[in-house]
Amino acid sequence: MIAAAASNLPLPAVHAELRSEPRPELRPVIERRAAPDDRLIMAHDPLDPRCETMRALRTELLLRRESVDRASIVALLSPNPGEGRSLMAAELAIAFAQTGRPTLLVDADLRRPQQHQLFGAANRHGLAQALGQGEVPLLQPVHGLPQMSLLTAGLVPGDPLELLSSRRFAALLDGWRTEFEFVVIDTAPVGLYADGLAVASLVGRVLALSRARHTSSRDLRDMLRRLAATRSQILGAVISHF
């Protein structure tokens, strides 16, 4: 199960100015249709208690939308591996897509990506290739979810942090804000890499994830301290139980 609690702490507004290069082409080049595997209960068993919790989290995020005219983009961050971050990112994106709103799931964990495995998706051309080689992002359709698209991480690059801090990534984010209604971004664990902080600084809106009886309070406090430097808005704290 998942317990979610919205943060009540006053947080500074994000006023980061992004000077990005011309917007890359956004239309997908389709190789094959991805399909949620059995771990993604949100796609297969809507009566499962976990699904009701995800729908409650979805509602909380809908209430915190910045604008109905631009996509709501949220990055999921957690301190360590094994805390359920990729699974939650996938199920949250599925929950948004099930409302009939165009939704994009982006795997920005360029260290040990998981989304292509969760969806049985092609992964030779993904976010890393769009950022590093200027390729058109391969946005894959998802079987059974006509409003959902998936951008996998692609082949693991040698310079993940530099790619996720780049103007090209800022330009992609800006384009997705007009292309979709919701964008969910998976990231690498903050306790090991600074990649998630780079994503947070560009996105500006974050869900902080921890795992019961797994994530130490010290690791969580350290992540929140480092997040404060990005001036991102923490939309809520989520505790996973599995």
Protein backbone atom coordinates (compact mmCIF):
# COMPACT_ATOMS: atom_id res chain seq x y z
CA MET A 1 0.00 0.00 0.00
CA ILE A 2 0.98 3.63 -0.32
CA ALA A 3 0.39 6.41 2.16
CA ALA A 4 0.43 9.92 0.74
CA ALA A 5 0.44 13.18 2.63
CA ALA A 6 0.48 16.65 1.12
CA SER A 7 3.12 18.97 2.45
CA ASN A 8 1.74 21.92 4.44
CA LEU A 9 5.04 23.76 4.66
CA PRO A 10 5.20 27.12 2.90
CA LEU A 11 7.59 26.78 0.03
CA PRO A 12 9.11 29.43 -2.20
CA ALA A 13 7.67 29.92 -5.64
CA VAL A 14 9.83 28.86 -8.56
CA HIS A 15 11.08 31.75 -10.65
CA ALA A 16 13.89 30.11 -12.59
CA GLU A 17 14.43 31.67 -16.01
CA LEU A 18 15.24 29.13 -18.69
CA ARG A 19 17.03 30.29 -21.80
CA SER A 20 16.62 27.32 -24.04
CA GLU A 21 17.67 26.62 -27.59
CA PRO A 22 14.97 26.29 -30.27
CA ARG A 23 12.36 23.72 -29.37
CA PRO A 24 13.10 20.24 -30.72
CA GLU A 25 10.60 18.33 -32.81
CA LEU A 26 8.10 16.67 -30.48
CA ARG A 27 6.12 14.25 -32.63
CA PRO A 28 6.74 10.57 -31.89
CA VAL A 29 8.52 8.10 -34.11
CA ILE A 30 6.71 4.85 -33.29
CA GLU A 31 8.59 1.53 -33.18
CA ARG A 32 6.09 -0.59 -31.30
CA ARG A 33 3.39 -0.23 -28.69
CA ALA A 34 4.49 -0.59 -25.07
CA ALA A 35 2.34 -2.60 -22.66
CA PRO A 36 2.13 -2.40 -18.85
CA ASP A 37 3.38 -5.59 -17.23
CA ASP A 38 1.71 -7.36 -14.30
CA ARG A 39 3.54 -5.28 -11.68
CA LEU A 40 1.57 -2.21 -12.75
CA ILE A 41 -1.63 -3.01 -10.88
CA MET A 42 -3.11 0.36 -11.80
CA ALA A 43 -3.45 -0.85 -15.40
CA HIS A 44 -4.91 -4.28 -14.61
CA ASP A 45 -6.93 -4.32 -11.39
CA PRO A 46 -8.81 -1.05 -10.70
CA LEU A 47 -10.45 -2.53 -7.58
CA ASP A 48 -7.15 -3.20 -5.82
CA PRO A 49 -6.72 -1.00 -2.69
CA ARG A 50 -3.43 0.30 -4.08
CA CYS A 51 -5.30 1.76 -7.05
CA GLU A 52 -7.64 3.71 -4.80
CA THR A 53 -4.65 5.20 -3.02
CA MET A 54 -3.10 6.17 -6.36
CA ARG A 55 -6.36 7.81 -7.42
CA ALA A 56 -6.37 9.79 -4.17
CA LEU A 57 -2.82 10.96 -4.88
CA ARG A 58 -3.86 11.86 -8.42
CA THR A 59 -6.69 13.99 -7.04
CA GLU A 60 -4.32 15.81 -4.70
CA LEU A 61 -2.05 16.65 -7.63
CA LEU A 62 -4.98 17.74 -9.78
CA LEU A 63 -5.92 20.21 -7.06
CA ARG A 64 -2.39 21.59 -7.15
CA ARG A 65 -2.23 22.23 -10.89
CA GLU A 66 -0.53 25.50 -11.76
CA SER A 67 -2.59 26.08 -14.90
CA VAL A 68 -5.18 24.32 -17.04
CA ASP A 69 -3.49 25.72 -20.14
CA ARG A 70 -0.08 24.12 -19.62
CA ALA A 71 0.94 20.63 -18.59
CA SER A 72 1.49 19.87 -14.94
CA ILE A 73 4.98 18.35 -14.74
CA VAL A 74 6.09 16.50 -11.62
CA ALA A 75 9.36 14.70 -10.88
CA LEU A 76 9.49 11.80 -8.40
CA LEU A 77 12.56 11.82 -6.19
CA SER A 78 13.71 9.42 -3.47
CA PRO A 79 17.00 9.05 -1.60
CA ASN A 80 17.93 5.44 -2.38
CA PRO A 81 17.39 2.54 -4.78
CA GLY A 82 14.66 0.05 -3.92
CA GLU A 83 12.12 2.57 -2.67
CA GLY A 84 9.51 2.02 -5.38
CA ARG A 85 10.08 5.27 -7.23
CA SER A 86 9.90 3.85 -10.78
CA LEU A 87 6.82 1.78 -9.99
CA MET A 88 5.04 4.77 -8.50
CA ALA A 89 5.98 7.04 -11.41
CA ALA A 90 4.53 4.49 -13.84
CA GLU A 91 1.30 3.98 -11.89
CA LEU A 92 0.81 7.70 -11.36
CA ALA A 93 1.18 8.32 -15.10
CA ILE A 94 -1.32 5.51 -15.77
CA ALA A 95 -3.73 7.08 -13.27
CA PHE A 96 -3.55 10.43 -15.07
CA ALA A 97 -4.00 8.80 -18.49
CA GLN A 98 -7.08 6.94 -17.24
CA THR A 99 -8.83 10.30 -16.78
CA GLY A 100 -8.65 10.79 -20.56
CA ARG A 101 -5.98 13.49 -20.37
CA PRO A 102 -2.86 13.32 -22.60
CA THR A 103 -0.08 12.07 -20.32
CA LEU A 104 3.65 11.49 -20.82
CA LEU A 105 5.86 9.28 -18.66
CA VAL A 106 9.56 10.12 -18.95
CA ASP A 107 12.35 7.89 -17.65
CA ALA A 108 15.05 10.37 -16.62
CA ASP A 109 16.93 7.75 -14.61
CA LEU A 110 19.87 7.58 -16.98
CA ARG A 111 21.84 5.36 -14.58
CA ARG A 112 19.67 2.27 -14.06
CA PRO A 113 16.45 2.90 -16.00
CA GLN A 114 13.40 0.77 -15.26
CA GLN A 115 10.46 2.08 -17.27
CA HIS A 116 11.26 0.13 -20.44
CA GLN A 117 11.17 -3.05 -18.35
CA LEU A 118 7.88 -2.15 -16.68
CA PHE A 119 6.30 -1.60 -20.11
CA GLY A 120 8.18 -4.13 -22.25
CA ALA A 121 9.24 -1.21 -24.43
CA ALA A 122 11.99 -0.63 -26.96
CA ASN A 123 14.90 1.24 -25.37
CA ARG A 124 17.61 1.84 -27.97
CA HIS A 125 16.39 5.37 -28.65
CA GLY A 126 15.19 7.32 -25.66
CA LEU A 127 15.78 10.47 -23.63
CA ALA A 128 19.55 10.05 -23.61
CA GLN A 129 19.70 9.97 -27.41
CA ALA A 130 17.30 12.92 -27.72
CA LEU A 131 19.54 14.98 -25.44
CA GLY A 132 22.96 13.76 -26.47
CA GLN A 133 22.51 13.26 -30.20
CA GLY A 134 19.62 15.59 -30.99
CA GLU A 135 17.33 12.74 -32.06
CA VAL A 136 13.58 13.22 -32.22
CA PRO A 137 12.25 11.89 -28.89
CA LEU A 138 10.72 8.45 -29.38
CA LEU A 139 7.36 8.76 -27.62
CA GLN A 140 5.88 5.27 -27.57
CA PRO A 141 2.14 4.63 -27.34
CA VAL A 142 0.97 2.36 -24.53
CA HIS A 143 -1.41 -0.53 -25.15
CA GLY A 144 -4.78 -0.07 -23.43
CA LEU A 145 -4.04 3.57 -22.56
CA PRO A 146 -4.73 5.67 -25.65
CA GLN A 147 -3.93 8.93 -23.84
CA MET A 148 -0.53 7.80 -22.56
CA SER A 149 2.92 8.06 -24.13
CA LEU A 150 6.23 6.71 -22.83
CA LEU A 151 9.72 8.10 -23.34
CA THR A 152 12.25 5.55 -22.11
CA ALA A 153 15.74 6.48 -20.94
CA GLY A 154 17.48 4.96 -23.94
CA LEU A 155 20.99 3.51 -23.90
CA VAL A 156 22.84 4.61 -20.77
CA PRO A 157 25.11 7.58 -21.61
CA GLY A 158 28.47 8.52 -20.13
CA ASP A 159 27.36 11.99 -19.02
CA PRO A 160 23.85 11.75 -17.47
CA LEU A 161 24.12 14.80 -15.22
CA GLU A 162 25.32 17.05 -18.02
CA LEU A 163 22.48 15.90 -20.29
CA LEU A 164 19.82 16.50 -17.63
CA SER A 165 21.24 19.96 -16.91
CA SER A 166 21.27 20.96 -20.57
CA ARG A 167 19.36 23.59 -22.51
CA ARG A 168 18.02 20.86 -24.76
CA PHE A 169 16.29 19.17 -21.82
CA ALA A 170 14.85 22.54 -20.77
CA ALA A 171 13.56 22.96 -24.33
CA LEU A 172 11.96 19.52 -24.32
CA LEU A 173 10.21 20.28 -21.03
CA ASP A 174 8.91 23.55 -22.43
CA GLY A 175 7.51 21.75 -25.46
CA TRP A 176 5.85 19.05 -23.37
CA ARG A 177 4.05 21.72 -21.37
CA THR A 178 1.99 22.52 -24.47
CA GLU A 179 1.85 18.99 -25.88
CA PHE A 180 0.42 17.20 -22.82
CA GLU A 181 -1.71 17.82 -19.75
CA PHE A 182 0.43 15.77 -17.38
CA VAL A 183 4.09 14.76 -17.45
CA VAL A 184 5.53 12.38 -14.83
CA ILE A 185 9.32 12.06 -14.60
CA ASP A 186 11.23 9.20 -13.01
CA THR A 187 14.73 10.01 -11.70
CA ALA A 188 17.85 8.37 -10.29
CA PRO A 189 18.20 8.10 -6.48
CA VAL A 190 19.29 11.42 -5.02
CA GLY A 191 21.48 9.80 -2.37
CA LEU A 192 23.74 8.39 -5.10
CA TYR A 193 23.55 10.95 -7.90
CA ALA A 194 22.74 14.63 -8.37
CA ASP A 195 20.70 13.90 -11.53
CA GLY A 196 17.33 14.17 -9.76
CA LEU A 197 18.26 17.58 -8.35
CA ALA A 198 19.09 18.79 -11.87
CA VAL A 199 15.69 17.58 -13.07
CA ALA A 200 13.96 19.21 -10.09
CA SER A 201 15.62 22.55 -10.78
CA LEU A 202 14.15 22.59 -14.30
CA VAL A 203 10.75 21.06 -13.52
CA GLY A 204 10.13 23.01 -10.31
CA ARG A 205 7.58 20.57 -8.81
CA VAL A 206 8.48 17.40 -6.92
CA LEU A 207 6.98 14.45 -5.09
CA ALA A 208 9.30 13.22 -2.31
CA LEU A 209 9.15 9.44 -1.94
CA SER A 210 10.37 7.20 0.88
CA ARG A 211 9.78 3.56 1.80
CA ALA A 212 8.53 2.44 5.21
CA ARG A 213 11.14 0.49 7.23
CA HIS A 214 13.67 1.08 4.48
CA THR A 215 14.41 4.80 4.07
CA SER A 216 16.21 6.29 7.05
CA SER A 217 15.05 9.64 8.40
CA ARG A 218 18.60 10.90 7.92
CA ASP A 219 18.56 10.08 4.20
CA LEU A 220 15.15 11.71 3.77
CA ARG A 221 16.20 14.88 5.61
CA ASP A 222 19.36 15.09 3.53
CA MET A 223 17.37 14.82 0.30
CA LEU A 224 14.93 17.52 1.42
CA ARG A 225 17.82 19.77 2.40
CA ARG A 226 19.44 19.37 -1.00
CA LEU A 227 16.09 19.90 -2.72
CA ALA A 228 15.69 23.23 -0.97
CA ALA A 229 18.67 24.53 -2.94
CA THR A 230 16.80 23.87 -6.21
CA ARG A 231 13.87 26.06 -5.06
CA SER A 232 11.49 23.32 -6.23
CA GLN A 233 8.01 23.10 -4.79
CA ILE A 234 7.49 19.86 -2.86
CA LEU A 235 3.91 18.93 -3.69
CA GLY A 236 3.72 16.14 -1.14
CA ALA A 237 5.50 13.36 0.70
CA VAL A 238 4.69 9.78 -0.23
CA ILE A 239 5.50 6.68 1.83
CA SER A 240 5.44 3.33 0.07
CA HIS A 241 4.73 0.03 1.83
CA PHE A 242 5.75 -3.16 0.00
